[in-house]
């Protein structure tokens, strides 16, 4: 199944007018069933454009969005977690990069659930047993 996805990485320049076309494309994508992923500073631009007003989301804190996005009206949909998926939107705080990546990978069905869990556990802890679990969960190439 083909999925449309737009990934907006962290930057402190997303609210610059030169990026409005990308944020408009994010709006179009969400309106047509695609998925938008934003982390850290990119969430501020989505907030300024009203894209967080009616969808579950997170960022670097509710106060951050209120400070950098004067038109933000999505306080009741804010979830204080490192990464949040809801209503075709995957958002994360600056500290939620690994969880954000896990949610994006899950959305794209890149790995089977056990492989995704082993991938996350390995990169979250660095413990070798999770590396071996990850390798053991991959399909055989025989």
C-alpha atoms as a PDB file:
ATOM      1  CA  UNK A   1       0.000   0.000   0.000  1.00  0.00           C
ATOM      2  CA  UNK A   2       1.405   3.372  -1.023  1.00  0.00           C
ATOM      3  CA  UNK A   3       1.531   6.024   1.694  1.00  0.00           C
ATOM      4  CA  UNK A   4       2.091   9.743   1.300  1.00  0.00           C
ATOM      5  CA  UNK A   5       4.264  11.185   4.037  1.00  0.00           C
ATOM      6  CA  UNK A   6       6.028  14.493   4.602  1.00  0.00           C
ATOM      7  CA  UNK A   7       8.809  14.682   7.199  1.00  0.00           C
ATOM      8  CA  UNK A   8       9.677  18.109   8.612  1.00  0.00           C
ATOM      9  CA  UNK A   9      12.958  18.035  10.573  1.00  0.00           C
ATOM     10  CA  UNK A  10      13.923  20.413  13.349  1.00  0.00           C
ATOM     11  CA  UNK A  11      14.931  23.940  12.430  1.00  0.00           C
ATOM     12  CA  UNK A  12      14.361  27.311  14.011  1.00  0.00           C
ATOM     13  CA  UNK A  13      13.497  28.840  10.629  1.00  0.00           C
ATOM     14  CA  UNK A  14      10.205  27.058   9.838  1.00  0.00           C
ATOM     15  CA  UNK A  15       8.196  30.220  10.494  1.00  0.00           C
ATOM     16  CA  UNK A  16      10.129  32.126   7.802  1.00  0.00           C
ATOM     17  CA  UNK A  17       7.918  33.023   4.866  1.00  0.00           C
ATOM     18  CA  UNK A  18      10.207  31.072   2.517  1.00  0.00           C
ATOM     19  CA  UNK A  19       8.826  27.863   4.066  1.00  0.00           C
ATOM     20  CA  UNK A  20       5.120  28.694   3.735  1.00  0.00           C
ATOM     21  CA  UNK A  21       4.787  26.596   0.566  1.00  0.00           C
ATOM     22  CA  UNK A  22       5.974  23.512   2.476  1.00  0.00           C
ATOM     23  CA  UNK A  23       3.551  24.163   5.334  1.00  0.00           C
ATOM     24  CA  UNK A  24       0.733  24.662   2.807  1.00  0.00           C
ATOM     25  CA  UNK A  25       1.706  21.320   1.249  1.00  0.00           C
ATOM     26  CA  UNK A  26       1.533  19.768   4.744  1.00  0.00           C
ATOM     27  CA  UNK A  27      -1.996  21.157   5.076  1.00  0.00           C
ATOM     28  CA  UNK A  28      -2.982  19.692   1.683  1.00  0.00           C
ATOM     29  CA  UNK A  29      -1.454  16.349   2.567  1.00  0.00           C
ATOM     30  CA  UNK A  30      -3.327  16.120   5.865  1.00  0.00           C
ATOM     31  CA  UNK A  31      -6.569  17.129   4.125  1.00  0.00           C
ATOM     32  CA  UNK A  32      -6.176  14.318   1.583  1.00  0.00           C
ATOM     33  CA  UNK A  33      -5.269  11.533   4.028  1.00  0.00           C
ATOM     34  CA  UNK A  34      -1.485  11.781   3.929  1.00  0.00           C
ATOM     35  CA  UNK A  35       0.716  11.898   6.995  1.00  0.00           C
ATOM     36  CA  UNK A  36       2.839  14.780   8.245  1.00  0.00           C
ATOM     37  CA  UNK A  37       5.705  14.265  10.679  1.00  0.00           C
ATOM     38  CA  UNK A  38       7.222  17.234  12.513  1.00  0.00           C
ATOM     39  CA  UNK A  39       9.778  17.507  15.275  1.00  0.00           C
ATOM     40  CA  UNK A  40      10.790  20.381  17.523  1.00  0.00           C
ATOM     41  CA  UNK A  41      10.823  23.699  15.625  1.00  0.00           C
ATOM     42  CA  UNK A  42       8.775  22.305  12.755  1.00  0.00           C
ATOM     43  CA  UNK A  43       5.839  21.887  15.151  1.00  0.00           C
ATOM     44  CA  UNK A  44       5.832  25.674  15.667  1.00  0.00           C
ATOM     45  CA  UNK A  45       5.146  26.312  11.985  1.00  0.00           C
ATOM     46  CA  UNK A  46       2.326  23.755  12.001  1.00  0.00           C
ATOM     47  CA  UNK A  47       0.906  25.490  15.073  1.00  0.00           C
ATOM     48  CA  UNK A  48       1.086  28.907  13.405  1.00  0.00           C
ATOM     49  CA  UNK A  49      -0.744  27.520  10.376  1.00  0.00           C
ATOM     50  CA  UNK A  50      -3.507  26.042  12.570  1.00  0.00           C
ATOM     51  CA  UNK A  51      -2.621  22.438  11.788  1.00  0.00           C
ATOM     52  CA  UNK A  52      -2.351  21.528  15.486  1.00  0.00           C
ATOM     53  CA  UNK A  53      -5.604  23.184  16.538  1.00  0.00           C
ATOM     54  CA  UNK A  54      -7.730  20.023  16.219  1.00  0.00           C
ATOM     55  CA  UNK A  55      -5.276  17.111  16.260  1.00  0.00           C
ATOM     56  CA  UNK A  56      -3.375  15.302  19.013  1.00  0.00           C
ATOM     57  CA  UNK A  57       0.219  16.580  19.064  1.00  0.00           C
ATOM     58  CA  UNK A  58       3.266  17.394  21.115  1.00  0.00           C
ATOM     59  CA  UNK A  59       6.222  19.746  20.919  1.00  0.00           C
ATOM     60  CA  UNK A  60       8.851  21.217  23.226  1.00  0.00           C
ATOM     61  CA  UNK A  61       6.159  22.107  25.727  1.00  0.00           C
ATOM     62  CA  UNK A  62       2.828  23.852  25.642  1.00  0.00           C
ATOM     63  CA  UNK A  63       4.491  27.094  26.671  1.00  0.00           C
ATOM     64  CA  UNK A  64       6.920  26.792  23.752  1.00  0.00           C
ATOM     65  CA  UNK A  65       4.081  26.613  21.223  1.00  0.00           C
ATOM     66  CA  UNK A  66       2.264  29.502  22.881  1.00  0.00           C
ATOM     67  CA  UNK A  67       5.463  31.566  22.810  1.00  0.00           C
ATOM     68  CA  UNK A  68       6.513  30.927  19.186  1.00  0.00           C
ATOM     69  CA  UNK A  69       3.101  30.476  17.567  1.00  0.00           C
ATOM     70  CA  UNK A  70       0.864  33.432  18.483  1.00  0.00           C
ATOM     71  CA  UNK A  71      -2.121  31.996  16.564  1.00  0.00           C
ATOM     72  CA  UNK A  72      -1.895  28.550  18.226  1.00  0.00           C
ATOM     73  CA  UNK A  73      -5.277  27.326  19.497  1.00  0.00           C
ATOM     74  CA  UNK A  74      -4.613  23.602  20.024  1.00  0.00           C
ATOM     75  CA  UNK A  75      -3.963  23.549  23.759  1.00  0.00           C
ATOM     76  CA  UNK A  76      -6.711  20.989  24.436  1.00  0.00           C
ATOM     77  CA  UNK A  77      -5.074  18.581  21.960  1.00  0.00           C
ATOM     78  CA  UNK A  78      -1.567  18.947  23.390  1.00  0.00           C
ATOM     79  CA  UNK A  79      -0.129  15.750  24.900  1.00  0.00           C
ATOM     80  CA  UNK A  80       2.915  16.092  27.133  1.00  0.00           C
ATOM     81  CA  UNK A  81       4.891  13.145  25.733  1.00  0.00           C
ATOM     82  CA  UNK A  82       8.166  12.982  23.754  1.00  0.00           C
ATOM     83  CA  UNK A  83       6.327  11.826  20.595  1.00  0.00           C
ATOM     84  CA  UNK A  84       2.654  11.600  19.663  1.00  0.00           C
ATOM     85  CA  UNK A  85       0.802  10.011  16.758  1.00  0.00           C
ATOM     86  CA  UNK A  86      -2.781  10.941  16.008  1.00  0.00           C
ATOM     87  CA  UNK A  87      -5.016  11.915  13.115  1.00  0.00           C
ATOM     88  CA  UNK A  88      -2.304  11.406  10.460  1.00  0.00           C
ATOM     89  CA  UNK A  89       0.111  13.628  12.362  1.00  0.00           C
ATOM     90  CA  UNK A  90       3.313  12.429  14.067  1.00  0.00           C
ATOM     91  CA  UNK A  91       4.961  15.061  16.249  1.00  0.00           C
ATOM     92  CA  UNK A  92       7.856  15.109  18.691  1.00  0.00           C
ATOM     93  CA  UNK A  93       9.777  17.330  21.040  1.00  0.00           C
ATOM     94  CA  UNK A  94      13.482  17.946  20.608  1.00  0.00           C
ATOM     95  CA  UNK A  95      14.125  15.079  23.041  1.00  0.00           C
ATOM     96  CA  UNK A  96      11.722  12.670  21.343  1.00  0.00           C
ATOM     97  CA  UNK A  97      13.683  11.906  18.181  1.00  0.00           C
ATOM     98  CA  UNK A  98      14.026   8.164  18.749  1.00  0.00           C
ATOM     99  CA  UNK A  99      10.351   7.734  19.685  1.00  0.00           C
ATOM    100  CA  UNK A 100       9.383   9.904  16.679  1.00  0.00           C
ATOM    101  CA  UNK A 101      11.446   7.701  14.368  1.00  0.00           C
ATOM    102  CA  UNK A 102       9.829   4.585  15.863  1.00  0.00           C
ATOM    103  CA  UNK A 103       6.346   5.972  15.245  1.00  0.00           C
ATOM    104  CA  UNK A 104       7.237   6.911  11.650  1.00  0.00           C
ATOM    105  CA  UNK A 105       8.737   3.471  10.991  1.00  0.00           C
ATOM    106  CA  UNK A 106       5.642   1.834  12.485  1.00  0.00           C
ATOM    107  CA  UNK A 107       3.358   3.986  10.333  1.00  0.00           C
ATOM    108  CA  UNK A 108       5.281   2.993   7.203  1.00  0.00           C
ATOM    109  CA  UNK A 109       5.221  -0.714   8.145  1.00  0.00           C
ATOM    110  CA  UNK A 110       8.978  -0.949   7.575  1.00  0.00           C
ATOM    111  CA  UNK A 111       9.436  -3.706  10.168  1.00  0.00           C
ATOM    112  CA  UNK A 112       7.352  -6.425  11.736  1.00  0.00           C
ATOM    113  CA  UNK A 113       6.371  -5.461  15.322  1.00  0.00           C
ATOM    114  CA  UNK A 114       9.015  -7.679  16.963  1.00  0.00           C
ATOM    115  CA  UNK A 115      11.735  -6.229  14.722  1.00  0.00           C
ATOM    116  CA  UNK A 116      10.601  -2.680  15.469  1.00  0.00           C
ATOM    117  CA  UNK A 117      10.639  -3.382  19.208  1.00  0.00           C
ATOM    118  CA  UNK A 118      14.144  -4.864  19.008  1.00  0.00           C
ATOM    119  CA  UNK A 119      15.310  -1.912  16.856  1.00  0.00           C
ATOM    120  CA  UNK A 120      13.944   0.566  19.380  1.00  0.00           C
ATOM    121  CA  UNK A 121      15.295  -1.324  22.390  1.00  0.00           C
ATOM    122  CA  UNK A 122      18.761  -1.499  20.815  1.00  0.00           C
ATOM    123  CA  UNK A 123      18.967   2.186  19.935  1.00  0.00           C
ATOM    124  CA  UNK A 124      17.367   3.204  23.224  1.00  0.00           C
ATOM    125  CA  UNK A 125      19.710   1.181  25.433  1.00  0.00           C
ATOM    126  CA  UNK A 126      22.698   0.213  23.284  1.00  0.00           C
ATOM    127  CA  UNK A 127      22.624  -3.237  24.873  1.00  0.00           C
ATOM    128  CA  UNK A 128      24.056  -5.950  22.616  1.00  0.00           C
ATOM    129  CA  UNK A 129      21.293  -8.434  23.417  1.00  0.00           C
ATOM    130  CA  UNK A 130      18.855  -6.153  21.606  1.00  0.00           C
ATOM    131  CA  UNK A 131      21.171  -5.975  18.603  1.00  0.00           C
ATOM    132  CA  UNK A 132      21.114  -9.778  18.416  1.00  0.00           C
ATOM    133  CA  UNK A 133      17.343  -9.786  18.885  1.00  0.00           C
ATOM    134  CA  UNK A 134      17.086  -7.285  16.040  1.00  0.00           C
ATOM    135  CA  UNK A 135      19.275  -9.368  13.742  1.00  0.00           C
ATOM    136  CA  UNK A 136      17.406 -12.521  14.729  1.00  0.00           C
ATOM    137  CA  UNK A 137      14.045 -10.951  13.931  1.00  0.00           C
ATOM    138  CA  UNK A 138      14.941 -10.036  10.357  1.00  0.00           C
ATOM    139  CA  UNK A 139      13.755 -12.262   7.525  1.00  0.00           C
ATOM    140  CA  UNK A 140      16.301 -14.781   6.296  1.00  0.00           C
ATOM    141  CA  UNK A 141      17.975 -13.976   2.957  1.00  0.00           C
ATOM    142  CA  UNK A 142      18.311 -17.621   1.935  1.00  0.00           C
END
